[in-house]
Amino acid sequence: MKKKDKDLAEDPINIKDKMDTSEHPVVTVEDLDEETIQHVNNPIVGLKPIEKVFLGVVKEVRQESNKYIFSDGSASVEIKVVSDEIIRVRLAPHSVFLDEFSYAVPQIDQKVAVFTFTEEEEYYAVSTNTVSCHVNKSNFHISFVDNDGKVINEDYLGMHWEENEQFGGYYVYCTKKCYPEEAFYGLGDKPTDLNLRGKRLQNWNSDTYSFAKHQDPLYRSIPFFISLNEGNAHGIFL
């Protein structure tokens, strides 16, 4: 083996030569630690391995303009006041939020001038003139309350995340309570009942010719749905 090939062989990559005179040895990767591979769709480097874990107790809160960052000491949740009627929630398992980017939406810094932050015995509240977002101190459950004090949306389980072993990065999960008379509408073209309650649907597209009833996915998926419960409605953009 040539001197330059010998140097390469000291790396965890096996160099296989069909012939000693070959100018282009065949390179194969074997037993390479998966955690050392930087996946294309996970632009953050240096993150710890991610396991399935739930948020803990709220230990720290800080304000950044129209955003409040809640932390349990490791993970962080961002509550952003977008408008009087829109509050955005994001979770970063290791407190590293990705930069916001979209091919479809212009870079518009939406924010409302009037909002308040209060601390109660059991929760923190970020409020606008229309809605309040409550963050439970003990379990990080998030709920939304209208001006009449009625809970219109709340967590059933705390948010958690799991590692995406196939592509890198992680999946974030959010489980909400479903009320007895609550109905759900939206998510794009779905050949099923108008009320989507009780259905499991994919947020994915497929060129499905001559599709059947209840078949999913189809041509179009829209990551937005509306909840209607006892005359009150709200929307969730996924």
Protein backbone atom coordinates (compact mmCIF):
# COMPACT_ATOMS: atom_id res chain seq x y z
CA MET A 1 0.00 0.00 0.00
CA LYS A 2 1.24 3.47 -0.81
CA LYS A 3 2.31 5.89 1.88
CA LYS A 4 -0.75 8.10 1.36
CA ASP A 5 -3.05 5.07 1.57
CA LYS A 6 -1.39 3.93 4.78
CA ASP A 7 -2.11 7.31 6.36
CA LEU A 8 -5.76 7.08 5.35
CA ALA A 9 -6.05 3.59 6.80
CA GLU A 10 -5.45 5.02 10.26
CA ASP A 11 -8.93 6.62 10.10
CA PRO A 12 -12.07 4.53 10.95
CA ILE A 13 -12.62 4.03 7.19
CA ASN A 14 -11.48 0.80 5.56
CA ILE A 15 -9.48 1.20 2.34
CA LYS A 16 -9.73 -1.82 0.03
CA ASP A 17 -7.46 -2.11 -2.99
CA LYS A 18 -8.31 -4.59 -5.71
CA MET A 19 -4.73 -4.23 -6.98
CA ASP A 20 -1.66 -2.64 -5.48
CA THR A 21 -1.20 -0.64 -8.68
CA SER A 22 -4.70 0.86 -8.54
CA GLU A 23 -4.71 4.65 -8.50
CA HIS A 24 -8.28 4.77 -7.17
CA PRO A 25 -8.77 2.42 -4.22
CA VAL A 26 -12.33 1.36 -3.36
CA VAL A 27 -13.44 3.07 -0.13
CA THR A 28 -16.14 1.53 2.09
CA VAL A 29 -17.52 2.81 5.39
CA GLU A 30 -17.93 0.11 8.02
CA ASP A 31 -18.88 0.32 11.68
CA LEU A 32 -18.93 4.11 11.61
CA ASP A 33 -20.59 5.50 14.73
CA GLU A 34 -24.03 6.83 13.69
CA GLU A 35 -23.76 9.73 16.13
CA THR A 36 -20.73 11.09 14.23
CA ILE A 37 -22.70 11.46 10.99
CA GLN A 38 -24.13 14.94 10.36
CA HIS A 39 -27.49 14.51 8.66
CA VAL A 40 -28.47 16.99 5.95
CA ASN A 41 -31.82 17.92 7.51
CA ASN A 42 -30.40 18.45 11.00
CA PRO A 43 -28.20 21.56 10.68
CA ILE A 44 -27.36 21.80 14.38
CA VAL A 45 -24.05 20.21 15.35
CA GLY A 46 -22.84 19.14 18.76
CA LEU A 47 -26.21 18.09 20.20
CA LYS A 48 -26.39 15.31 22.75
CA PRO A 49 -28.09 12.02 21.75
CA ILE A 50 -31.85 12.48 22.09
CA GLU A 51 -34.04 10.02 23.98
CA LYS A 52 -37.78 10.02 24.63
CA VAL A 53 -38.31 12.45 27.46
CA PHE A 54 -40.98 14.79 28.81
CA LEU A 55 -40.54 18.35 29.97
CA GLY A 56 -39.83 18.76 33.67
CA VAL A 57 -40.57 21.55 36.13
CA VAL A 58 -40.34 25.17 34.99
CA LYS A 59 -37.12 26.54 36.49
CA GLU A 60 -36.47 29.72 34.53
CA VAL A 61 -38.38 32.32 32.52
CA ARG A 62 -36.92 35.14 30.44
CA GLN A 63 -38.37 37.66 28.00
CA GLU A 64 -37.03 38.46 24.53
CA SER A 65 -39.18 41.19 22.96
CA ASN A 66 -42.58 39.57 22.25
CA LYS A 67 -41.33 36.10 23.22
CA TYR A 68 -41.07 34.33 26.58
CA ILE A 69 -38.63 31.44 26.98
CA PHE A 70 -39.50 28.86 29.66
CA SER A 71 -36.82 26.32 30.64
CA ASP A 72 -36.66 23.21 32.80
CA GLY A 73 -32.87 23.48 32.92
CA SER A 74 -32.28 21.55 29.70
CA ALA A 75 -35.18 21.93 27.27
CA SER A 76 -36.93 25.21 26.48
CA VAL A 77 -40.39 26.27 25.32
CA GLU A 78 -40.92 29.52 23.42
CA ILE A 79 -44.24 31.35 23.76
CA LYS A 80 -44.42 34.06 21.09
CA VAL A 81 -47.19 36.66 20.89
CA VAL A 82 -47.83 37.06 17.15
CA SER A 83 -51.08 39.05 17.31
CA ASP A 84 -54.05 39.59 19.62
CA GLU A 85 -55.46 36.26 18.46
CA ILE A 86 -52.34 34.23 17.62
CA ILE A 87 -49.83 32.75 20.06
CA ARG A 88 -47.07 30.48 18.78
CA VAL A 89 -45.57 27.64 20.84
CA ARG A 90 -42.21 26.01 20.03
CA LEU A 91 -40.13 23.43 21.89
CA ALA A 92 -36.35 22.92 21.65
CA PRO A 93 -35.16 19.74 23.44
CA HIS A 94 -31.69 21.18 24.08
CA SER A 95 -32.72 24.86 24.14
CA VAL A 96 -31.43 25.46 20.59
CA PHE A 97 -34.18 26.98 18.43
CA LEU A 98 -33.67 26.75 14.66
CA ASP A 99 -33.79 29.96 12.64
CA GLU A 100 -37.21 30.61 11.16
CA PHE A 101 -37.34 30.05 7.40
CA SER A 102 -40.06 29.59 4.80
CA TYR A 103 -40.22 29.42 1.01
CA ALA A 104 -43.86 30.55 1.12
CA VAL A 105 -44.09 33.20 3.84
CA PRO A 106 -42.29 36.58 3.63
CA GLN A 107 -40.02 37.61 6.48
CA ILE A 108 -42.56 39.73 8.34
CA ASP A 109 -41.90 40.42 12.00
CA GLN A 110 -45.43 40.06 13.33
CA LYS A 111 -45.93 41.13 16.90
CA VAL A 112 -48.51 42.84 19.04
CA ALA A 113 -47.71 45.88 21.15
CA VAL A 114 -50.08 45.14 24.04
CA PHE A 115 -49.57 41.95 26.03
CA THR A 116 -48.92 41.09 29.66
CA PHE A 117 -47.02 38.53 31.70
CA THR A 118 -48.21 37.47 35.13
CA GLU A 119 -47.19 34.83 37.65
CA GLU A 120 -49.78 32.94 39.66
CA GLU A 121 -49.28 30.27 42.32
CA GLU A 122 -49.58 27.34 39.89
CA TYR A 123 -48.86 28.83 36.47
CA TYR A 124 -47.45 31.66 34.38
CA ALA A 125 -49.75 33.56 32.01
CA VAL A 126 -48.93 35.34 28.76
CA SER A 127 -52.01 37.34 27.77
CA THR A 128 -53.32 39.53 24.95
CA ASN A 129 -56.64 41.36 24.72
CA THR A 130 -58.24 38.17 23.39
CA VAL A 131 -56.55 35.07 24.80
CA SER A 132 -54.23 33.93 27.58
CA CYS A 133 -51.62 31.17 27.39
CA HIS A 134 -51.01 29.42 30.71
CA VAL A 135 -47.84 27.43 31.44
CA ASN A 136 -48.18 25.09 34.43
CA LYS A 137 -45.16 25.36 36.73
CA SER A 138 -45.11 21.75 37.92
CA ASN A 139 -45.64 19.75 34.69
CA PHE A 140 -45.20 22.28 31.83
CA HIS A 141 -48.75 21.64 30.57
CA ILE A 142 -49.94 24.47 28.33
CA SER A 143 -53.52 25.71 28.11
CA PHE A 144 -55.37 28.56 26.40
CA VAL A 145 -58.09 30.57 28.12
CA ASP A 146 -60.52 33.13 26.67
CA ASN A 147 -61.51 36.46 28.20
CA ASP A 148 -64.34 34.82 30.12
CA GLY A 149 -61.90 32.51 31.89
CA LYS A 150 -63.02 29.44 29.95
CA VAL A 151 -60.35 26.92 28.95
CA ILE A 152 -60.62 26.41 25.18
CA ASN A 153 -57.58 24.19 24.68
CA GLU A 154 -55.25 22.34 27.05
CA ASP A 155 -52.60 19.64 27.13
CA TYR A 156 -53.53 16.10 28.12
CA LEU A 157 -49.86 15.14 28.43
CA GLY A 158 -46.85 17.37 28.56
CA MET A 159 -44.93 17.88 25.34
CA HIS A 160 -42.14 15.38 24.71
CA TRP A 161 -39.71 14.44 21.95
CA GLU A 162 -38.21 11.34 20.42
CA GLU A 163 -35.11 10.84 18.31
CA ASN A 164 -35.56 10.55 14.55
CA GLU A 165 -33.26 7.57 14.02
CA GLN A 166 -33.74 7.49 10.25
CA PHE A 167 -32.96 11.09 9.32
CA GLY A 168 -31.52 12.67 12.46
CA GLY A 169 -33.03 15.44 14.55
CA TYR A 170 -36.14 14.71 16.57
CA TYR A 171 -39.92 14.48 16.58
CA VAL A 172 -41.86 16.73 18.95
CA TYR A 173 -45.16 15.39 20.28
CA CYS A 174 -48.09 17.33 21.72
CA THR A 175 -51.20 15.59 23.12
CA LYS A 176 -54.34 17.65 23.71
CA LYS A 177 -57.54 16.99 25.63
CA CYS A 178 -60.62 16.21 23.53
CA TYR A 179 -63.95 17.31 24.98
CA PRO A 180 -67.11 15.16 24.66
CA GLU A 181 -68.84 17.35 22.06
CA GLU A 182 -65.74 18.73 20.33
CA ALA A 183 -65.56 18.51 16.52
CA PHE A 184 -62.58 18.98 14.20
CA TYR A 185 -62.47 20.29 10.62
CA GLY A 186 -59.72 20.97 8.08
CA LEU A 187 -56.34 19.41 7.14
CA GLY A 188 -56.99 19.61 3.39
CA ASP A 189 -58.65 17.14 0.99
CA LYS A 190 -59.83 14.12 2.97
CA PRO A 191 -62.36 11.64 1.45
CA THR A 192 -64.04 11.02 4.77
CA ASP A 193 -66.59 12.58 7.11
CA LEU A 194 -66.59 16.36 7.43
CA ASN A 195 -66.01 16.02 11.16
CA LEU A 196 -62.56 14.48 11.54
CA ARG A 197 -63.03 13.48 15.18
CA GLY A 198 -61.67 9.99 15.82
CA LYS A 199 -59.64 9.90 12.59
CA ARG A 200 -55.89 9.36 12.23
CA LEU A 201 -54.58 11.39 9.26
CA GLN A 202 -51.18 12.00 7.69
CA ASN A 203 -49.82 15.44 6.92
CA TRP A 204 -48.32 14.20 3.64
CA ASN A 205 -49.09 14.25 -0.11
CA SER A 206 -49.55 11.37 -2.56
CA ASP A 207 -50.57 11.19 -6.24
CA THR A 208 -53.46 8.81 -5.58
CA TYR A 209 -55.50 8.11 -8.70
CA SER A 210 -59.03 6.71 -8.27
CA PHE A 211 -58.87 6.90 -4.49
CA ALA A 212 -61.41 5.26 -2.20
CA LYS A 213 -63.37 6.59 0.76
CA HIS A 214 -61.28 7.08 3.90
CA GLN A 215 -58.03 6.70 1.90
CA ASP A 216 -55.14 8.81 3.16
CA PRO A 217 -52.90 10.53 2.13
CA LEU A 218 -54.19 12.26 -1.02
CA TYR A 219 -53.09 15.11 -3.27
CA ARG A 220 -53.14 17.92 -0.76
CA SER A 221 -52.46 18.33 2.94
CA ILE A 222 -52.94 21.58 4.82
CA PRO A 223 -51.41 21.71 8.32
CA PHE A 224 -54.30 23.61 9.89
CA PHE A 225 -57.49 22.48 11.58
CA ILE A 226 -60.37 24.09 13.45
CA SER A 227 -61.91 22.92 16.70
CA LEU A 228 -65.56 23.65 17.50
CA ASN A 229 -66.83 23.00 21.02
CA GLU A 230 -69.99 24.35 22.65
CA GLY A 231 -70.16 27.27 20.24
CA ASN A 232 -66.50 28.26 20.70
CA ALA A 233 -63.96 27.78 17.91
CA HIS A 234 -60.19 28.00 17.66
CA GLY A 235 -57.61 26.95 15.09
CA ILE A 236 -54.29 25.14 15.35
CA PHE A 237 -51.53 25.52 12.76
CA LEU A 238 -49.18 22.56 13.04
